Amino acid sequence: MLKISAKEKGLYCDQLCPDAKRRYFEKIACFGNVDPYEITKWSGRITASAMHAVLATSLDTPAHSVVNRVCYPEKTFSTVQTRWGVEHEEDARKAYTEITASNHRKLQ
């Protein structure tokens, strides 16, 4: 399994998305009255579904589709499965904490 440090992820993402403030205000204007936190929650983050494309593109000349996918996540993406996942995210987090707490000290 490929391991990338948080610092490496941050550096890569900073290079792909250099102007966070501009993107933030563009998103607010584009999405209207949607909570800004929801809009920017995934903006600039490399999700598991985008990781292969990000690692395959060049930092010197990144593919526009990859930059758009990371910096401007889709505003309308929704499936039955993702809605279910969002609704049960807290339950999953609690279950994970309970299961892994015995293997970690002061797991939060």
N, C-alpha and C. Protein backbone atom coordinates (compact mmCIF):
# COMPACT_ATOMS: atom_id res chain seq x y z
N MET A 1 0.85 -1.18 0.00
CA MET A 1 0.00 0.00 0.00
C MET A 1 0.89 1.24 0.00
N LEU A 2 0.56 2.19 -0.84
CA LEU A 2 1.32 3.42 -0.96
C LEU A 2 1.04 4.32 0.24
N LYS A 3 2.12 4.79 0.87
CA LYS A 3 1.94 5.68 2.02
C LYS A 3 2.51 7.05 1.66
N ILE A 4 1.72 8.07 1.91
CA ILE A 4 2.13 9.45 1.67
C ILE A 4 1.95 10.21 2.97
N SER A 5 2.98 10.93 3.37
CA SER A 5 2.88 11.68 4.62
C SER A 5 1.93 12.85 4.46
N ALA A 6 1.44 13.33 5.60
CA ALA A 6 0.54 14.49 5.59
C ALA A 6 1.24 15.69 4.98
N LYS A 7 2.54 15.83 5.26
CA LYS A 7 3.29 16.95 4.72
C LYS A 7 3.35 16.86 3.19
N GLU A 8 3.61 15.65 2.67
CA GLU A 8 3.65 15.47 1.22
C GLU A 8 2.29 15.77 0.59
N LYS A 9 1.22 15.30 1.23
CA LYS A 9 -0.12 15.57 0.72
C LYS A 9 -0.37 17.07 0.68
N GLY A 10 0.01 17.75 1.76
CA GLY A 10 -0.19 19.19 1.84
C GLY A 10 0.58 19.93 0.77
N LEU A 11 1.85 19.54 0.57
CA LEU A 11 2.66 20.20 -0.45
C LEU A 11 2.08 19.98 -1.83
N TYR A 12 1.69 18.77 -2.10
CA TYR A 12 1.13 18.46 -3.42
C TYR A 12 -0.16 19.24 -3.64
N CYS A 13 -0.99 19.24 -2.63
CA CYS A 13 -2.28 19.92 -2.76
C CYS A 13 -2.09 21.44 -2.87
N ASP A 14 -1.12 21.99 -2.14
CA ASP A 14 -0.85 23.43 -2.24
C ASP A 14 -0.43 23.79 -3.66
N GLN A 15 0.33 22.91 -4.30
CA GLN A 15 0.76 23.19 -5.67
C GLN A 15 -0.40 23.07 -6.64
N LEU A 16 -1.31 22.14 -6.37
CA LEU A 16 -2.47 21.99 -7.25
C LEU A 16 -3.49 23.11 -7.03
N CYS A 17 -3.62 23.58 -5.80
CA CYS A 17 -4.64 24.58 -5.45
C CYS A 17 -3.99 25.76 -4.74
N PRO A 18 -3.27 26.60 -5.47
CA PRO A 18 -2.51 27.66 -4.81
C PRO A 18 -3.31 28.83 -4.27
N ASP A 19 -4.52 29.05 -4.76
CA ASP A 19 -5.24 30.26 -4.38
C ASP A 19 -6.53 29.92 -3.64
N ALA A 20 -6.39 29.53 -2.39
CA ALA A 20 -7.53 29.05 -1.61
C ALA A 20 -8.60 30.12 -1.39
N LYS A 21 -8.18 31.35 -1.14
CA LYS A 21 -9.18 32.40 -0.87
C LYS A 21 -10.05 32.65 -2.09
N ARG A 22 -9.45 32.72 -3.26
CA ARG A 22 -10.22 32.96 -4.47
C ARG A 22 -11.21 31.82 -4.68
N ARG A 23 -10.74 30.59 -4.49
CA ARG A 23 -11.61 29.44 -4.67
C ARG A 23 -12.77 29.48 -3.68
N TYR A 24 -12.47 29.89 -2.44
CA TYR A 24 -13.50 29.94 -1.41
C TYR A 24 -14.63 30.88 -1.83
N PHE A 25 -14.28 32.08 -2.27
CA PHE A 25 -15.31 33.04 -2.64
C PHE A 25 -16.01 32.64 -3.94
N GLU A 26 -15.29 32.00 -4.85
CA GLU A 26 -15.95 31.50 -6.05
C GLU A 26 -17.01 30.47 -5.68
N LYS A 27 -16.69 29.62 -4.76
CA LYS A 27 -17.63 28.58 -4.37
C LYS A 27 -18.86 29.17 -3.68
N ILE A 28 -18.66 30.15 -2.82
CA ILE A 28 -19.80 30.78 -2.16
C ILE A 28 -20.71 31.41 -3.21
N ALA A 29 -20.12 32.11 -4.18
CA ALA A 29 -20.91 32.74 -5.23
C ALA A 29 -21.62 31.69 -6.09
N CYS A 30 -20.93 30.61 -6.37
CA CYS A 30 -21.48 29.55 -7.23
C CYS A 30 -22.59 28.78 -6.53
N PHE A 31 -22.43 28.51 -5.25
CA PHE A 31 -23.38 27.67 -4.55
C PHE A 31 -24.51 28.44 -3.88
N GLY A 32 -24.43 29.75 -3.88
CA GLY A 32 -25.51 30.54 -3.28
C GLY A 32 -25.55 30.42 -1.78
N ASN A 33 -26.67 29.97 -1.24
CA ASN A 33 -26.85 29.97 0.21
C ASN A 33 -26.48 28.65 0.88
N VAL A 34 -25.65 27.85 0.26
CA VAL A 34 -25.18 26.60 0.87
C VAL A 34 -24.13 26.94 1.92
N ASP A 35 -24.12 26.19 3.00
CA ASP A 35 -23.15 26.39 4.08
C ASP A 35 -21.73 26.37 3.52
N PRO A 36 -20.94 27.44 3.71
CA PRO A 36 -19.58 27.49 3.18
C PRO A 36 -18.71 26.32 3.65
N TYR A 37 -18.95 25.82 4.86
CA TYR A 37 -18.17 24.68 5.34
C TYR A 37 -18.41 23.46 4.46
N GLU A 38 -19.66 23.22 4.11
CA GLU A 38 -19.98 22.07 3.26
C GLU A 38 -19.34 22.21 1.89
N ILE A 39 -19.30 23.43 1.39
CA ILE A 39 -18.73 23.68 0.07
C ILE A 39 -17.24 23.40 0.06
N THR A 40 -16.55 23.88 1.07
CA THR A 40 -15.08 23.80 1.07
C THR A 40 -14.54 22.59 1.80
N LYS A 41 -15.40 21.76 2.37
CA LYS A 41 -14.95 20.62 3.16
C LYS A 41 -13.98 19.74 2.37
N TRP A 42 -14.27 19.47 1.11
CA TRP A 42 -13.41 18.59 0.32
C TRP A 42 -12.56 19.36 -0.67
N SER A 43 -12.73 20.66 -0.77
CA SER A 43 -11.96 21.43 -1.73
C SER A 43 -10.49 21.41 -1.37
N GLY A 44 -9.66 21.02 -2.31
CA GLY A 44 -8.23 20.98 -2.07
C GLY A 44 -7.75 19.72 -1.39
N ARG A 45 -8.66 18.84 -1.02
CA ARG A 45 -8.26 17.58 -0.38
C ARG A 45 -8.24 16.48 -1.42
N ILE A 46 -7.28 15.62 -1.27
CA ILE A 46 -7.16 14.51 -2.20
C ILE A 46 -7.90 13.32 -1.60
N THR A 47 -9.04 13.02 -2.16
CA THR A 47 -9.85 11.91 -1.66
C THR A 47 -9.34 10.60 -2.26
N ALA A 48 -9.76 9.50 -1.67
CA ALA A 48 -9.31 8.19 -2.14
C ALA A 48 -9.66 7.99 -3.61
N SER A 49 -10.82 8.46 -4.02
CA SER A 49 -11.23 8.25 -5.41
C SER A 49 -10.39 9.06 -6.40
N ALA A 50 -9.72 10.11 -5.93
CA ALA A 50 -8.90 10.94 -6.82
C ALA A 50 -7.41 10.65 -6.69
N MET A 51 -7.02 9.83 -5.71
CA MET A 51 -5.61 9.63 -5.42
C MET A 51 -4.82 9.10 -6.62
N HIS A 52 -5.33 8.13 -7.33
CA HIS A 52 -4.58 7.58 -8.46
C HIS A 52 -4.32 8.65 -9.51
N ALA A 53 -5.33 9.43 -9.84
CA ALA A 53 -5.17 10.49 -10.84
C ALA A 53 -4.15 11.53 -10.39
N VAL A 54 -4.16 11.86 -9.11
CA VAL A 54 -3.22 12.85 -8.57
C VAL A 54 -1.79 12.33 -8.65
N LEU A 55 -1.59 11.08 -8.27
CA LEU A 55 -0.24 10.52 -8.29
C LEU A 55 0.27 10.30 -9.71
N ALA A 56 -0.63 10.13 -10.65
CA ALA A 56 -0.22 9.88 -12.04
C ALA A 56 0.08 11.17 -12.80
N THR A 57 -0.34 12.31 -12.31
CA THR A 57 -0.11 13.56 -13.03
C THR A 57 1.21 14.19 -12.59
N SER A 58 1.74 15.05 -13.41
CA SER A 58 3.02 15.71 -13.14
C SER A 58 2.80 16.99 -12.35
N LEU A 59 3.70 17.26 -11.41
CA LEU A 59 3.62 18.53 -10.67
C LEU A 59 3.97 19.71 -11.58
N ASP A 60 4.86 19.47 -12.54
CA ASP A 60 5.26 20.55 -13.44
C ASP A 60 4.14 20.95 -14.40
N THR A 61 3.43 19.96 -14.91
CA THR A 61 2.31 20.22 -15.82
C THR A 61 1.14 19.32 -15.44
N PRO A 62 0.45 19.67 -14.35
CA PRO A 62 -0.66 18.82 -13.91
C PRO A 62 -1.81 18.86 -14.91
N ALA A 63 -2.47 17.73 -15.04
CA ALA A 63 -3.63 17.65 -15.93
C ALA A 63 -4.74 18.56 -15.40
N HIS A 64 -5.36 19.30 -16.30
CA HIS A 64 -6.43 20.22 -15.89
C HIS A 64 -7.58 19.47 -15.22
N SER A 65 -7.88 18.29 -15.72
CA SER A 65 -8.98 17.52 -15.13
C SER A 65 -8.68 17.14 -13.69
N VAL A 66 -7.41 16.85 -13.40
CA VAL A 66 -7.02 16.49 -12.03
C VAL A 66 -7.11 17.71 -11.12
N VAL A 67 -6.61 18.83 -11.61
CA VAL A 67 -6.68 20.07 -10.82
C VAL A 67 -8.13 20.41 -10.53
N ASN A 68 -8.98 20.34 -11.53
CA ASN A 68 -10.40 20.65 -11.32
C ASN A 68 -11.05 19.67 -10.36
N ARG A 69 -10.69 18.41 -10.45
CA ARG A 69 -11.28 17.40 -9.58
C ARG A 69 -10.91 17.63 -8.11
N VAL A 70 -9.66 18.05 -7.87
CA VAL A 70 -9.20 18.27 -6.50
C VAL A 70 -9.64 19.64 -5.98
N CYS A 71 -9.46 20.66 -6.79
CA CYS A 71 -9.72 22.03 -6.33
C CYS A 71 -11.19 22.43 -6.39
N TYR A 72 -11.91 21.84 -7.29
CA TYR A 72 -13.32 22.20 -7.47
C TYR A 72 -14.17 20.93 -7.45
N PRO A 73 -14.38 20.36 -6.28
CA PRO A 73 -15.16 19.12 -6.22
C PRO A 73 -16.58 19.35 -6.74
N GLU A 74 -17.16 18.29 -7.26
CA GLU A 74 -18.51 18.39 -7.83
C GLU A 74 -19.50 18.81 -6.77
N LYS A 75 -20.37 19.74 -7.13
CA LYS A 75 -21.34 20.24 -6.17
C LYS A 75 -22.61 19.39 -6.14
N THR A 76 -22.80 18.55 -7.14
CA THR A 76 -24.05 17.80 -7.22
C THR A 76 -23.88 16.30 -7.04
N PHE A 77 -22.69 15.84 -6.69
CA PHE A 77 -22.46 14.41 -6.57
C PHE A 77 -23.27 13.85 -5.42
N SER A 78 -24.13 12.91 -5.72
CA SER A 78 -24.93 12.27 -4.69
C SER A 78 -25.50 10.98 -5.23
N THR A 79 -25.32 9.93 -4.47
CA THR A 79 -25.93 8.65 -4.81
C THR A 79 -26.61 8.13 -3.56
N VAL A 80 -27.39 7.10 -3.71
CA VAL A 80 -28.04 6.48 -2.55
C VAL A 80 -26.97 6.05 -1.55
N GLN A 81 -25.88 5.49 -2.07
CA GLN A 81 -24.82 4.99 -1.20
C GLN A 81 -24.12 6.12 -0.44
N THR A 82 -23.82 7.24 -1.13
CA THR A 82 -23.14 8.33 -0.43
C THR A 82 -24.06 9.00 0.58
N ARG A 83 -25.34 9.11 0.26
CA ARG A 83 -26.27 9.69 1.23
C ARG A 83 -26.36 8.81 2.47
N TRP A 84 -26.41 7.49 2.26
CA TRP A 84 -26.44 6.56 3.39
C TRP A 84 -25.17 6.72 4.22
N GLY A 85 -24.04 6.83 3.54
CA GLY A 85 -22.76 6.99 4.24
C GLY A 85 -22.72 8.26 5.07
N VAL A 86 -23.21 9.34 4.53
CA VAL A 86 -23.24 10.61 5.27
C VAL A 86 -24.15 10.48 6.49
N GLU A 87 -25.30 9.85 6.30
CA GLU A 87 -26.25 9.69 7.41
C GLU A 87 -25.69 8.81 8.53
N HIS A 88 -24.83 7.86 8.20
CA HIS A 88 -24.31 6.91 9.19
C HIS A 88 -22.84 7.15 9.55
N GLU A 89 -22.31 8.29 9.16
CA GLU A 89 -20.89 8.57 9.41
C GLU A 89 -20.57 8.59 10.90
N GLU A 90 -21.40 9.21 11.69
CA GLU A 90 -21.14 9.28 13.14
C GLU A 90 -21.17 7.89 13.77
N ASP A 91 -22.11 7.05 13.34
CA ASP A 91 -22.17 5.68 13.85
C ASP A 91 -20.89 4.92 13.51
N ALA A 92 -20.41 5.10 12.29
CA ALA A 92 -19.18 4.43 11.86
C ALA A 92 -17.99 4.92 12.67
N ARG A 93 -17.94 6.22 12.93
CA ARG A 93 -16.84 6.78 13.71
C ARG A 93 -16.84 6.21 15.13
N LYS A 94 -18.01 6.11 15.73
CA LYS A 94 -18.12 5.54 17.09
C LYS A 94 -17.70 4.08 17.10
N ALA A 95 -18.16 3.32 16.12
CA ALA A 95 -17.80 1.89 16.04
C ALA A 95 -16.30 1.73 15.86
N TYR A 96 -15.70 2.54 15.00
CA TYR A 96 -14.26 2.47 14.77
C TYR A 96 -13.50 2.77 16.06
N THR A 97 -13.93 3.81 16.77
CA THR A 97 -13.27 4.19 18.02
C THR A 97 -13.37 3.06 19.04
N GLU A 98 -14.53 2.46 19.16
CA GLU A 98 -14.71 1.36 20.11
C GLU A 98 -13.82 0.17 19.77
N ILE A 99 -13.74 -0.16 18.51
CA ILE A 99 -12.96 -1.33 18.08
C ILE A 99 -11.47 -1.09 18.23
N THR A 100 -11.00 0.10 17.89
CA THR A 100 -9.56 0.36 17.90
C THR A 100 -9.04 0.91 19.22
N ALA A 101 -9.92 1.30 20.13
CA ALA A 101 -9.49 1.90 21.39
C ALA A 101 -8.59 0.97 22.19
N SER A 102 -8.82 -0.32 22.11
CA SER A 102 -8.01 -1.26 22.89
C SER A 102 -6.58 -1.35 22.37
N ASN A 103 -6.32 -0.89 21.16
CA ASN A 103 -4.98 -0.94 20.57
C ASN A 103 -4.23 0.39 20.63
N HIS A 104 -4.87 1.41 21.19
CA HIS A 104 -4.26 2.74 21.22
C HIS A 104 -4.44 3.37 22.60
N ARG A 105 -3.50 4.21 22.94
CA ARG A 105 -3.62 4.97 24.19
C ARG A 105 -4.31 6.30 23.90
N LYS A 106 -5.27 6.64 24.71
CA LYS A 106 -5.96 7.93 24.62
C LYS A 106 -6.47 8.22 23.20
N LEU A 107 -7.08 7.22 22.59
CA LEU A 107 -7.64 7.41 21.25
C LEU A 107 -8.80 8.39 21.32
N GLN A 108 -8.78 9.38 20.44
CA GLN A 108 -9.84 10.39 20.43
C GLN A 108 -10.58 10.36 19.13
